[in-house]
Every structure is written in C-alpha cells, then in structure tokens.
Amino acid sequence: MGVRETLNKIENMVATAKTFPFTGHILINDNDLVHYVEELRNDLPKELDKAEVIMKERDQIIEDARREAEHIRTDAERQAAAMVENSEIVLKSKQRGKEILQETQQKETAMVQAAEAQARELQNNVDAYANQVFEQLIAHVSRTFDGVQQAQNGVQQAAVGVQQVTQGLQQALQVLQTAKAGLNQPQPPLPAQSAPAQAQTAAEEKPAEE
C-alpha cells in the first residue's frame, strides 16, 4: 500500500469517527491508528528508494551525455587529422576541423545543458514529492493527535461527571438510611391515668339503666 493511500485511510478514519455526546470529541480505534502508522513506516522507505533511483538515473544521463560528447570530439579530431595532405587541403581541413570542433563543442554544451536541466527537473520533482508526502504525513498525524487528545479530555470530563453523580447517590443513600433508622426507633409509652379519672371514664362508657 502506498503512502498516500495510508494517509487517506487515516484521514477517513478521523472524518468518520464517532463523536462523544455533548462534547464534540471523537473516538478513534488506537489499534487501527497504530496499524496505519506501521504501514507508513514500511512504505516511506520505498518512496525514498524510488527517489534515490531517480537521482541515479539523473547521474547516468549526465554521464552518458559527457561520454557521447567525448566520442564526438575524438571522431572530429580523427577526421581533421585525416584531411592533412597538402596546403590547400590542410587549410580546408583546418577550417573544416575548426567548424567540426565548434559544432562538436556546441553539441556537447547543448547536450550537457539538456542533461543538467533534466536532472534539475527530476531533482525538483523528487523534492516536491518528498515535501508533499511529509507535509501530508505531518498534517494527518497532527490532526489525529488532536482528535486523540480531545477524546482523552472528553473521557476525563465524563469521569468527573460520573464521580459527581456517585457522590450525590452516596449522599441520598445516607439520607434514606437516616430516615429509616428514625422510623424503626420504639415509641414512648402513654402516661398512666389517675383512679378518679379511670372511674369517670368507666362510668361514661357504662350505658344508663332504664
């Protein structure tokens, strides 16, 4: 899997993560995140190897251009030496040799410049690609870290709320236990009545004779 594909998966995981109610924080599977980070560790050296191969190709292009230019120069010198037969031929040969040498130098310069321009373009492309990969990696890891930190803060806030609810329940339990203890206490006996009062009460309760 490529680096960009792994980064897209991390971004999609963050975008589709569940949100804690009333907090706006998200919940991310840390196992998936660790798995994607491991994929990045495995794939990133491969991308760097590709960049190294491109650099080697650039050096090979320059070397081939220089070798071809040297071959052209040697061939031009051999042709110029073969033209030396008489003065007129020598003059023409010298003139032609200068022209060939000049053309050879121009071709050599043009080939080297073209090779260097192509090498610079390859280098710029490699640098731009590497910078893009690192920027995306840093951005995704930063957003993932922020999401994990927000989720951790949400869990801590939820833990504080649970602790407050627990304390309230404990206080309510203590109040109920105190009220129950008050109900289970024995009631005090009623005060005893005096004898006249008892007789009067008995007379009131006895029905009148006809």
C-alpha atoms as a PDB file:
ATOM      1  CA  MET A   1       0.000   0.000   0.000  1.00  0.00           C
ATOM      2  CA  GLY A   2       1.298   3.464  -0.894  1.00  0.00           C
ATOM      3  CA  VAL A   3       1.954   6.338   1.482  1.00  0.00           C
ATOM      4  CA  ARG A   4      -0.873   8.414   0.012  1.00  0.00           C
ATOM      5  CA  GLU A   5      -3.373   5.573   0.360  1.00  0.00           C
ATOM      6  CA  THR A   6      -2.419   5.086   4.009  1.00  0.00           C
ATOM      7  CA  LEU A   7      -2.749   8.815   4.666  1.00  0.00           C
ATOM      8  CA  ASN A   8      -6.186   8.794   3.023  1.00  0.00           C
ATOM      9  CA  LYS A   9      -7.247   5.946   5.307  1.00  0.00           C
ATOM     10  CA  ILE A  10      -6.094   7.859   8.388  1.00  0.00           C
ATOM     11  CA  GLU A  11      -7.971  10.944   7.214  1.00  0.00           C
ATOM     12  CA  ASN A  12     -11.108   8.884   6.531  1.00  0.00           C
ATOM     13  CA  MET A  13     -10.835   7.252   9.971  1.00  0.00           C
ATOM     14  CA  VAL A  14     -10.725  10.664  11.627  1.00  0.00           C
ATOM     15  CA  ALA A  15     -13.568  12.009   9.458  1.00  0.00           C
ATOM     16  CA  THR A  16     -15.867   9.054  10.188  1.00  0.00           C
ATOM     17  CA  ALA A  17     -15.000   8.630  13.879  1.00  0.00           C
ATOM     18  CA  LYS A  18     -17.835   8.598  16.415  1.00  0.00           C
ATOM     19  CA  THR A  19     -18.438  11.754  18.428  1.00  0.00           C
ATOM     20  CA  PHE A  20     -18.841  11.890  22.201  1.00  0.00           C
ATOM     21  CA  PRO A  21     -22.284  13.312  23.101  1.00  0.00           C
ATOM     22  CA  PHE A  22     -22.319  16.947  24.239  1.00  0.00           C
ATOM     23  CA  THR A  23     -18.529  17.294  23.814  1.00  0.00           C
ATOM     24  CA  GLY A  24     -17.765  17.330  20.094  1.00  0.00           C
ATOM     25  CA  HIS A  25     -14.833  14.976  20.747  1.00  0.00           C
ATOM     26  CA  ILE A  26     -14.234  11.893  18.631  1.00  0.00           C
ATOM     27  CA  LEU A  27     -13.353   8.288  19.432  1.00  0.00           C
ATOM     28  CA  ILE A  28     -10.599   6.650  17.348  1.00  0.00           C
ATOM     29  CA  ASN A  29      -9.569   2.996  17.357  1.00  0.00           C
ATOM     30  CA  ASP A  30      -5.969   3.140  18.545  1.00  0.00           C
ATOM     31  CA  ASN A  31      -5.206  -0.292  17.042  1.00  0.00           C
ATOM     32  CA  ASP A  32      -6.155   0.926  13.553  1.00  0.00           C
ATOM     33  CA  LEU A  33      -4.125   4.089  14.025  1.00  0.00           C
ATOM     34  CA  VAL A  34      -1.041   2.126  15.109  1.00  0.00           C
ATOM     35  CA  HIS A  35      -1.549  -0.199  12.125  1.00  0.00           C
ATOM     36  CA  TYR A  36      -1.624   2.721   9.676  1.00  0.00           C
ATOM     37  CA  VAL A  37       1.467   4.271  11.270  1.00  0.00           C
ATOM     38  CA  GLU A  38       3.279   0.948  10.836  1.00  0.00           C
ATOM     39  CA  GLU A  39       2.247   0.925   7.173  1.00  0.00           C
ATOM     40  CA  LEU A  40       3.710   4.404   6.779  1.00  0.00           C
ATOM     41  CA  ARG A  41       6.953   3.232   8.354  1.00  0.00           C
ATOM     42  CA  ASN A  42       7.095   0.346   5.888  1.00  0.00           C
ATOM     43  CA  ASP A  43       6.078   2.304   2.768  1.00  0.00           C
ATOM     44  CA  LEU A  44       8.005   5.535   3.298  1.00  0.00           C
ATOM     45  CA  PRO A  45      11.466   3.914   2.773  1.00  0.00           C
ATOM     46  CA  LYS A  46      10.154   2.509  -0.519  1.00  0.00           C
ATOM     47  CA  GLU A  47       9.180   6.004  -1.691  1.00  0.00           C
ATOM     48  CA  LEU A  48      12.609   7.266  -0.678  1.00  0.00           C
ATOM     49  CA  ASP A  49      14.204   4.392  -2.612  1.00  0.00           C
ATOM     50  CA  LYS A  50      12.259   5.497  -5.699  1.00  0.00           C
ATOM     51  CA  ALA A  51      13.655   8.998  -5.264  1.00  0.00           C
ATOM     52  CA  GLU A  52      17.161   7.557  -4.973  1.00  0.00           C
ATOM     53  CA  VAL A  53      16.667   5.596  -8.204  1.00  0.00           C
ATOM     54  CA  ILE A  54      15.610   8.803  -9.953  1.00  0.00           C
ATOM     55  CA  MET A  55      18.756  10.529  -8.715  1.00  0.00           C
ATOM     56  CA  LYS A  56      20.885   7.674 -10.037  1.00  0.00           C
ATOM     57  CA  GLU A  57      19.144   7.944 -13.406  1.00  0.00           C
ATOM     58  CA  ARG A  58      19.934  11.638 -13.460  1.00  0.00           C
ATOM     59  CA  ASP A  59      23.623  10.936 -12.858  1.00  0.00           C
ATOM     60  CA  GLN A  60      23.583   8.265 -15.579  1.00  0.00           C
ATOM     61  CA  ILE A  61      22.021  10.697 -18.086  1.00  0.00           C
ATOM     62  CA  ILE A  62      24.754  13.255 -17.415  1.00  0.00           C
ATOM     63  CA  GLU A  63      27.468  10.619 -17.707  1.00  0.00           C
ATOM     64  CA  ASP A  64      26.046   9.307 -20.990  1.00  0.00           C
ATOM     65  CA  ALA A  65      25.931  12.844 -22.385  1.00  0.00           C
ATOM     66  CA  ARG A  66      29.530  13.504 -21.471  1.00  0.00           C
ATOM     67  CA  ARG A  67      30.646  10.156 -22.920  1.00  0.00           C
ATOM     68  CA  GLU A  68      28.807  10.889 -26.178  1.00  0.00           C
ATOM     69  CA  ALA A  69      30.332  14.358 -26.360  1.00  0.00           C
ATOM     70  CA  GLU A  70      33.808  12.913 -25.849  1.00  0.00           C
ATOM     71  CA  HIS A  71      33.165  10.383 -28.570  1.00  0.00           C
ATOM     72  CA  ILE A  72      32.079  13.131 -30.980  1.00  0.00           C
ATOM     73  CA  ARG A  73      35.150  15.206 -30.137  1.00  0.00           C
ATOM     74  CA  THR A  74      37.508  12.272 -30.710  1.00  0.00           C
ATOM     75  CA  ASP A  75      35.856  11.476 -34.011  1.00  0.00           C
ATOM     76  CA  ALA A  76      36.133  15.109 -35.088  1.00  0.00           C
ATOM     77  CA  GLU A  77      39.833  15.204 -34.277  1.00  0.00           C
ATOM     78  CA  ARG A  78      40.399  11.966 -36.222  1.00  0.00           C
ATOM     79  CA  GLN A  79      38.577  13.356 -39.249  1.00  0.00           C
ATOM     80  CA  ALA A  80      40.580  16.584 -39.080  1.00  0.00           C
ATOM     81  CA  ALA A  81      43.886  14.705 -38.942  1.00  0.00           C
ATOM     82  CA  ALA A  82      42.925  12.551 -41.947  1.00  0.00           C
ATOM     83  CA  MET A  83      42.422  15.652 -44.140  1.00  0.00           C
ATOM     84  CA  VAL A  84      46.062  16.792 -43.963  1.00  0.00           C
ATOM     85  CA  GLU A  85      47.512  16.088 -47.437  1.00  0.00           C
ATOM     86  CA  ASN A  86      48.646  19.399 -48.904  1.00  0.00           C
ATOM     87  CA  SER A  87      48.479  23.051 -48.035  1.00  0.00           C
ATOM     88  CA  GLU A  88      45.133  23.653 -49.649  1.00  0.00           C
ATOM     89  CA  ILE A  89      43.790  20.510 -48.164  1.00  0.00           C
ATOM     90  CA  VAL A  90      45.427  21.431 -44.887  1.00  0.00           C
ATOM     91  CA  LEU A  91      43.799  24.859 -44.903  1.00  0.00           C
ATOM     92  CA  LYS A  92      40.454  23.382 -45.795  1.00  0.00           C
ATOM     93  CA  SER A  93      40.996  20.657 -43.275  1.00  0.00           C
ATOM     94  CA  LYS A  94      41.893  23.137 -40.568  1.00  0.00           C
ATOM     95  CA  GLN A  95      38.886  25.225 -41.437  1.00  0.00           C
ATOM     96  CA  ARG A  96      36.682  22.182 -41.534  1.00  0.00           C
ATOM     97  CA  GLY A  97      38.285  20.886 -38.378  1.00  0.00           C
ATOM     98  CA  LYS A  98      37.536  24.156 -36.610  1.00  0.00           C
ATOM     99  CA  GLU A  99      33.972  24.030 -37.835  1.00  0.00           C
ATOM    100  CA  ILE A 100      33.595  20.418 -36.742  1.00  0.00           C
ATOM    101  CA  LEU A 101      35.218  21.174 -33.401  1.00  0.00           C
ATOM    102  CA  GLN A 102      32.996  24.203 -32.929  1.00  0.00           C
ATOM    103  CA  GLU A 103      29.906  22.183 -33.840  1.00  0.00           C
ATOM    104  CA  THR A 104      31.073  19.427 -31.538  1.00  0.00           C
ATOM    105  CA  GLN A 105      31.570  21.857 -28.676  1.00  0.00           C
ATOM    106  CA  GLN A 106      28.164  23.377 -29.295  1.00  0.00           C
ATOM    107  CA  LYS A 107      26.552  19.935 -29.381  1.00  0.00           C
ATOM    108  CA  GLU A 108      28.447  18.925 -26.256  1.00  0.00           C
ATOM    109  CA  THR A 109      27.373  22.088 -24.453  1.00  0.00           C
ATOM    110  CA  ALA A 110      23.778  21.672 -25.563  1.00  0.00           C
ATOM    111  CA  MET A 111      23.706  18.009 -24.504  1.00  0.00           C
ATOM    112  CA  VAL A 112      25.253  18.732 -21.113  1.00  0.00           C
ATOM    113  CA  GLN A 113      22.872  21.645 -20.535  1.00  0.00           C
ATOM    114  CA  ALA A 114      19.898  19.496 -21.538  1.00  0.00           C
ATOM    115  CA  ALA A 115      21.086  16.690 -19.251  1.00  0.00           C
ATOM    116  CA  GLU A 116      21.604  19.101 -16.361  1.00  0.00           C
ATOM    117  CA  ALA A 117      18.190  20.694 -16.957  1.00  0.00           C
ATOM    118  CA  GLN A 118      16.566  17.263 -16.970  1.00  0.00           C
ATOM    119  CA  ALA A 119      18.477  16.343 -13.817  1.00  0.00           C
ATOM    120  CA  ARG A 120      17.354  19.557 -12.101  1.00  0.00           C
ATOM    121  CA  GLU A 121      13.775  18.873 -13.124  1.00  0.00           C
ATOM    122  CA  LEU A 122      13.992  15.343 -11.732  1.00  0.00           C
ATOM    123  CA  GLN A 123      15.518  16.668  -8.527  1.00  0.00           C
ATOM    124  CA  ASN A 124      12.808  19.315  -8.178  1.00  0.00           C
ATOM    125  CA  ASN A 125      10.121  16.692  -8.754  1.00  0.00           C
ATOM    126  CA  VAL A 126      11.684  14.407  -6.157  1.00  0.00           C
ATOM    127  CA  ASP A 127      11.990  17.236  -3.635  1.00  0.00           C
ATOM    128  CA  ALA A 128       8.434  18.410  -4.284  1.00  0.00           C
ATOM    129  CA  TYR A 129       7.047  14.898  -3.938  1.00  0.00           C
ATOM    130  CA  ALA A 130       9.025  14.242  -0.733  1.00  0.00           C
ATOM    131  CA  ASN A 131       7.890  17.581   0.739  1.00  0.00           C
ATOM    132  CA  GLN A 132       4.275  16.843  -0.187  1.00  0.00           C
ATOM    133  CA  VAL A 133       4.449  13.405   1.436  1.00  0.00           C
ATOM    134  CA  PHE A 134       5.984  14.773   4.631  1.00  0.00           C
ATOM    135  CA  GLU A 135       3.548  17.695   4.794  1.00  0.00           C
ATOM    136  CA  GLN A 136       0.566  15.389   4.397  1.00  0.00           C
ATOM    137  CA  LEU A 137       2.015  12.985   6.945  1.00  0.00           C
ATOM    138  CA  ILE A 138       2.647  15.762   9.476  1.00  0.00           C
ATOM    139  CA  ALA A 139      -0.831  17.247   8.904  1.00  0.00           C
ATOM    140  CA  HIS A 140      -2.619  13.897   9.269  1.00  0.00           C
ATOM    141  CA  VAL A 141      -0.636  12.853  12.328  1.00  0.00           C
ATOM    142  CA  SER A 142      -1.240  16.283  13.886  1.00  0.00           C
ATOM    143  CA  ARG A 143      -4.998  16.063  13.279  1.00  0.00           C
ATOM    144  CA  THR A 144      -5.051  12.506  14.591  1.00  0.00           C
ATOM    145  CA  PHE A 145      -3.133  13.541  17.687  1.00  0.00           C
ATOM    146  CA  ASP A 146      -5.552  16.431  18.293  1.00  0.00           C
ATOM    147  CA  GLY A 147      -8.501  14.063  17.930  1.00  0.00           C
ATOM    148  CA  VAL A 148      -6.982  11.576  20.366  1.00  0.00           C
ATOM    149  CA  GLN A 149      -6.231  14.361  22.836  1.00  0.00           C
ATOM    150  CA  GLN A 150      -9.795  15.693  22.551  1.00  0.00           C
ATOM    151  CA  ALA A 151     -11.144  12.196  23.112  1.00  0.00           C
ATOM    152  CA  GLN A 152      -8.957  11.837  26.180  1.00  0.00           C
ATOM    153  CA  ASN A 153     -10.217  15.169  27.539  1.00  0.00           C
ATOM    154  CA  GLY A 154     -13.808  14.052  26.918  1.00  0.00           C
ATOM    155  CA  VAL A 155     -13.195  10.830  28.830  1.00  0.00           C
ATOM    156  CA  GLN A 156     -11.721  12.782  31.727  1.00  0.00           C
ATOM    157  CA  GLN A 157     -14.733  15.135  31.792  1.00  0.00           C
ATOM    158  CA  ALA A 158     -17.081  12.152  31.711  1.00  0.00           C
ATOM    159  CA  ALA A 159     -15.169  10.578  34.596  1.00  0.00           C
ATOM    160  CA  VAL A 160     -15.580  13.781  36.633  1.00  0.00           C
ATOM    161  CA  GLY A 161     -19.337  13.759  35.917  1.00  0.00           C
ATOM    162  CA  VAL A 162     -19.615  10.119  36.983  1.00  0.00           C
ATOM    163  CA  GLN A 163     -17.747  10.889  40.180  1.00  0.00           C
ATOM    164  CA  GLN A 164     -20.136  13.765  40.972  1.00  0.00           C
ATOM    165  CA  VAL A 165     -23.166  11.540  40.328  1.00  0.00           C
ATOM    166  CA  THR A 166     -21.659   8.863  42.563  1.00  0.00           C
ATOM    167  CA  GLN A 167     -21.159  11.365  45.383  1.00  0.00           C
ATOM    168  CA  GLY A 168     -24.783  12.548  45.013  1.00  0.00           C
ATOM    169  CA  LEU A 169     -26.042   8.963  45.194  1.00  0.00           C
ATOM    170  CA  GLN A 170     -23.968   8.335  48.290  1.00  0.00           C
ATOM    171  CA  GLN A 171     -25.443  11.421  49.988  1.00  0.00           C
ATOM    172  CA  ALA A 172     -29.005  10.358  49.035  1.00  0.00           C
ATOM    173  CA  LEU A 173     -28.306   6.869  50.430  1.00  0.00           C
ATOM    174  CA  GLN A 174     -27.138   8.343  53.722  1.00  0.00           C
ATOM    175  CA  VAL A 175     -30.308  10.471  53.981  1.00  0.00           C
ATOM    176  CA  LEU A 176     -32.525   7.431  53.310  1.00  0.00           C
ATOM    177  CA  GLN A 177     -30.676   5.315  55.831  1.00  0.00           C
ATOM    178  CA  THR A 178     -31.052   8.069  58.468  1.00  0.00           C
ATOM    179  CA  ALA A 179     -34.811   8.363  57.795  1.00  0.00           C
ATOM    180  CA  LYS A 180     -35.236   4.583  58.023  1.00  0.00           C
ATOM    181  CA  ALA A 181     -33.391   4.473  61.345  1.00  0.00           C
ATOM    182  CA  GLY A 182     -35.780   7.151  62.733  1.00  0.00           C
ATOM    183  CA  LEU A 183     -38.832   5.085  61.757  1.00  0.00           C
ATOM    184  CA  ASN A 184     -37.515   1.936  63.432  1.00  0.00           C
ATOM    185  CA  GLN A 185     -36.992   3.595  66.872  1.00  0.00           C
ATOM    186  CA  PRO A 186     -39.557   2.435  69.623  1.00  0.00           C
ATOM    187  CA  GLN A 187     -42.347   4.894  70.502  1.00  0.00           C
ATOM    188  CA  PRO A 188     -42.552   6.178  74.204  1.00  0.00           C
ATOM    189  CA  PRO A 189     -45.439   4.696  76.340  1.00  0.00           C
ATOM    190  CA  LEU A 190     -48.566   6.765  77.011  1.00  0.00           C
ATOM    191  CA  PRO A 191     -48.794   8.352  80.541  1.00  0.00           C
ATOM    192  CA  ALA A 192     -50.908   6.371  83.195  1.00  0.00           C
ATOM    193  CA  GLN A 193     -54.345   7.859  84.171  1.00  0.00           C
ATOM    194  CA  SER A 194     -55.334   8.550  87.830  1.00  0.00           C
ATOM    195  CA  ALA A 195     -58.043   6.448  89.672  1.00  0.00           C
ATOM    196  CA  PRO A 196     -60.846   9.087  89.602  1.00  0.00           C
ATOM    197  CA  ALA A 197     -60.180   9.649  86.005  1.00  0.00           C
ATOM    198  CA  GLN A 198     -60.358   5.918  85.332  1.00  0.00           C
ATOM    199  CA  ALA A 199     -63.695   5.666  87.258  1.00  0.00           C
ATOM    200  CA  GLN A 200     -65.118   8.582  85.380  1.00  0.00           C
ATOM    201  CA  THR A 201     -64.060   7.013  82.135  1.00  0.00           C
ATOM    202  CA  ALA A 202     -65.733   3.729  83.150  1.00  0.00           C
ATOM    203  CA  ALA A 203     -68.978   5.499  84.131  1.00  0.00           C
ATOM    204  CA  GLU A 204     -69.062   7.257  80.824  1.00  0.00           C
ATOM    205  CA  GLU A 205     -68.563   4.040  78.970  1.00  0.00           C
ATOM    206  CA  LYS A 206     -71.374   2.155  81.031  1.00  0.00           C
ATOM    207  CA  PRO A 207     -74.808   2.591  79.453  1.00  0.00           C
ATOM    208  CA  ALA A 208     -77.573   4.230  81.534  1.00  0.00           C
ATOM    209  CA  GLU A 209     -80.173   1.837  83.119  1.00  0.00           C
ATOM    210  CA  GLU A 210     -83.798   2.301  82.100  1.00  0.00           C
END
